[in-house]
Protein backbone atom coordinates (compact mmCIF):
# COMPACT_ATOMS: atom_id res chain seq x y z
CA MET A 1 200.40 93.24 46.69
CA GLU A 2 202.22 96.30 47.42
CA ASN A 3 200.95 99.89 48.00
CA GLN A 4 200.32 102.03 44.96
CA VAL A 5 202.37 104.83 44.12
CA PHE A 6 200.31 107.78 43.28
CA GLU A 7 201.95 110.61 41.34
CA SER A 8 199.30 113.40 41.70
CA VAL A 9 196.40 114.07 44.13
CA GLU A 10 194.16 113.45 41.29
CA ASP A 11 195.00 109.70 41.33
CA PHE A 12 193.34 109.26 44.78
CA ASP A 13 189.60 108.71 45.18
CA ASP A 14 189.43 108.92 49.12
CA ILE A 15 188.04 112.39 50.09
CA ALA A 16 189.70 112.66 53.51
CA THR A 17 193.19 111.85 51.55
CA ILE A 18 192.33 114.64 49.13
CA ASN A 19 191.70 117.14 52.10
CA GLY A 20 194.65 116.02 53.93
CA TYR A 21 196.50 116.78 50.78
CA HIS A 22 195.07 120.56 50.71
CA VAL A 23 195.49 120.86 54.59
CA ALA A 24 199.26 119.98 53.95
CA LYS A 25 199.70 122.45 51.08
CA GLU A 26 197.90 125.15 53.25
CA ALA A 27 200.39 124.29 55.91
CA GLY A 28 203.34 125.16 53.52
CA LEU A 29 204.41 121.76 52.37
CA SER A 30 205.44 121.59 48.77
CA GLU A 31 203.44 119.22 46.31
CA GLU A 32 205.93 116.33 46.82
CA GLU A 33 205.63 116.65 50.51
CA ALA A 34 202.14 116.58 50.73
CA LEU A 35 201.93 113.57 48.52
CA ALA A 36 204.38 111.76 50.67
CA VAL A 37 202.30 112.54 53.70
CA ILE A 38 199.12 111.39 52.22
CA ALA A 39 200.59 108.27 50.79
CA ASN A 40 201.43 107.23 54.29
CA TYR A 41 197.93 107.19 55.70
CA SER A 42 195.47 106.95 52.48
CA ARG A 43 193.11 104.13 52.67
CA ASP A 44 193.21 104.12 48.84
CA ASN A 45 196.25 101.62 48.95
CA ALA A 46 193.89 99.05 50.68
CA ARG A 47 190.97 99.67 48.17
CA THR A 48 192.80 98.84 44.97
CA PRO A 49 191.79 95.66 43.23
CA MET A 50 193.16 92.19 43.49
CA GLN A 51 195.65 91.83 40.93
CA TRP A 52 194.47 88.23 39.67
CA THR A 53 196.64 88.51 36.31
CA ARG A 54 199.20 90.59 34.88
CA GLU A 55 196.52 91.81 32.30
CA PRO A 56 195.81 95.41 32.22
CA GLY A 57 192.41 94.67 33.65
CA LEU A 58 194.00 92.51 36.36
CA GLY A 59 192.09 89.42 35.34
CA PHE A 60 188.54 90.74 36.24
CA SER A 61 187.70 93.26 33.97
CA ASP A 62 188.10 94.27 30.19
CA GLY A 63 188.19 97.95 30.96
CA PRO A 64 190.88 99.81 33.00
CA ALA A 65 191.27 98.80 36.65
CA TRP A 66 190.21 101.27 39.46
CA LEU A 67 192.88 103.08 41.61
CA ILE A 68 195.95 101.86 39.81
CA SER A 69 198.60 104.12 39.45
CA PRO A 70 199.84 105.37 35.99
CA LYS A 71 202.89 103.08 36.17
CA PRO A 72 201.60 99.85 37.78
CA ASP A 73 203.39 96.92 38.52
CA TYR A 74 201.68 93.69 37.77
CA SER A 75 204.50 91.60 38.81
CA ILE A 76 202.69 90.57 41.86
CA ASN A 77 199.55 88.85 41.01
CA VAL A 78 197.60 85.67 42.08
CA GLU A 79 198.15 83.64 38.64
CA ASP A 80 202.03 83.99 39.06
CA GLN A 81 201.73 83.36 42.92
CA GLU A 82 199.91 80.13 42.48
CA LYS A 83 202.51 78.68 40.27
CA ASP A 84 205.25 79.38 42.81
CA PRO A 85 205.31 77.07 45.77
CA ASP A 86 207.63 79.73 47.79
CA SER A 87 205.02 82.44 47.14
CA ILE A 88 203.94 84.58 49.86
CA LEU A 89 200.38 83.42 48.72
CA ASN A 90 201.21 79.70 49.18
CA TYR A 91 202.92 80.53 52.44
CA TYR A 92 199.81 81.91 53.88
CA ARG A 93 197.78 79.02 52.70
CA GLN A 94 200.16 76.76 54.52
CA LEU A 95 200.06 79.10 57.61
CA THR A 96 196.29 79.06 57.71
CA ALA A 97 196.12 75.28 57.04
CA LEU A 98 198.04 74.84 60.55
CA TYR A 99 194.79 75.79 62.13
CA ARG A 100 193.13 72.35 60.99
CA HIS A 101 196.48 70.10 60.88
CA PRO A 102 196.02 66.72 62.19
CA LEU A 103 198.95 67.08 64.53
CA TYR A 104 199.17 70.85 65.66
CA GLY A 105 195.71 72.14 65.08
CA ASN A 106 194.22 71.42 68.65
CA THR A 107 197.41 73.20 69.99
CA ILE A 108 197.07 76.11 67.84
CA ARG A 109 193.20 76.62 68.47
CA PHE A 110 193.24 75.66 72.17
CA GLY A 111 196.71 75.72 73.55
CA ASP A 112 197.91 78.47 75.97
CA MET A 113 199.77 81.16 74.37
CA ILE A 114 203.12 82.50 76.17
CA PRO A 115 205.02 85.43 75.10
CA ALA A 116 208.77 84.56 74.32
CA TYR A 117 211.79 86.65 73.82
CA ARG A 118 210.09 89.95 75.03
CA ASP A 119 213.47 91.59 75.58
CA ARG A 120 214.54 91.10 71.97
CA GLU A 121 214.02 94.10 69.87
CA ASN A 122 212.30 93.16 66.30
CA ILE A 123 211.63 89.80 67.47
CA ILE A 124 207.90 88.72 67.95
CA ALA A 125 207.65 85.30 69.46
CA PHE A 126 205.41 83.09 71.45
CA GLU A 127 204.80 79.41 72.56
CA ARG A 128 201.72 77.56 72.15
CA ARG A 129 201.35 74.85 74.53
CA GLY A 130 198.56 72.28 74.48
CA ASP A 131 199.18 68.71 72.83
CA LYS A 132 202.46 70.12 71.45
CA LEU A 133 204.96 72.36 72.30
CA LEU A 134 205.17 74.73 69.35
CA LEU A 135 207.34 77.93 69.13
CA VAL A 136 206.53 80.77 66.55
CA VAL A 137 209.25 83.34 65.87
CA SER A 138 209.39 86.17 63.41
CA ASN A 139 212.52 88.31 62.91
CA PHE A 140 211.06 91.82 62.13
CA GLN A 141 214.50 93.22 60.97
CA ASN A 142 216.92 93.37 57.90
CA ARG A 143 219.49 91.58 60.07
CA GLN A 144 219.94 88.01 61.08
CA ALA A 145 219.10 87.03 64.65
CA THR A 146 220.50 84.42 66.95
CA LEU A 147 218.21 83.01 69.61
CA GLU A 148 218.76 80.23 72.38
CA LEU A 149 215.85 78.08 72.46
CA PRO A 150 214.17 76.69 75.73
CA ALA A 151 214.11 73.17 74.25
CA PRO A 152 215.80 71.26 71.29
CA ILE A 153 213.80 71.22 67.97
CA LYS A 154 211.74 68.17 67.48
CA THR A 155 210.16 69.20 64.09
CA LEU A 156 210.41 72.27 61.70
CA VAL A 157 206.44 72.86 60.96
CA LEU A 158 206.67 75.87 58.82
CA ASN A 159 209.33 78.25 57.43
CA ASN A 160 209.23 81.29 55.05
CA THR A 161 212.70 80.99 53.91
CA ALA A 162 215.19 78.65 52.74
CA GLY A 163 217.04 78.13 56.19
CA LEU A 164 217.12 74.91 57.43
CA PHE A 165 217.22 73.52 61.14
CA GLN A 166 218.13 70.10 62.22
CA GLU A 167 216.20 68.06 64.84
CA GLY A 168 217.81 68.57 68.26
CA ASP A 169 219.33 72.00 67.48
CA GLN A 170 218.88 74.61 70.47
CA VAL A 171 220.25 77.69 68.63
CA LEU A 172 218.34 79.38 65.97
CA GLU A 173 219.88 81.47 63.34
CA LEU A 174 217.09 83.46 61.65
CA ALA A 175 217.52 85.13 58.46
CA PRO A 176 216.28 88.86 57.98
CA TYR A 177 212.35 88.65 57.95
CA GLN A 178 212.36 85.05 58.55
CA SER A 179 209.17 83.41 60.17
CA ILE A 180 209.11 79.74 61.39
CA VAL A 181 206.95 77.43 63.51
CA LEU A 182 208.67 74.73 65.38
CA GLU A 183 207.76 71.99 67.41
CA LEU A 184 210.33 71.65 70.34
CA VAL A 185 210.80 68.50 72.60
CA GLU A 186 208.86 68.65 75.83
């Protein structure tokens, strides 16, 4: 789900957020500026209901949903995500299933975690060393990243984009915001 866009302070429920709005206004900020400030830290974005369906009650109520902006976007919801094998919901299901995976679960649960590519800006990566050698890499930027791998790819375990990698590759071309889990040759 995405953060709600609240158009006025009356749309917020959190008292600390409302107080922050008034403090910002007293400090001389315009209404738009004060709303922008509180939108960045309000906990109300985390308190909006789970969007189960596209329906106005979001799939769990016949009445209006709590803390939904006046112009809600129901396009991100569980019902639609479950139908899409490439959805974020299904990616997270695959990711969490690795914990119990018959080949990789022990390495993920008990393997040593070794940071990798620490000198690369906007790349978060680490190895898990146990029964297998796994490399987890996430590209947190809006441009491609190229990485030299410490060992050839044995298996592509998980990938959140359509980018393909071949067994034996030792150079990784990551798309913007791509995250992968690789088994490397030991």
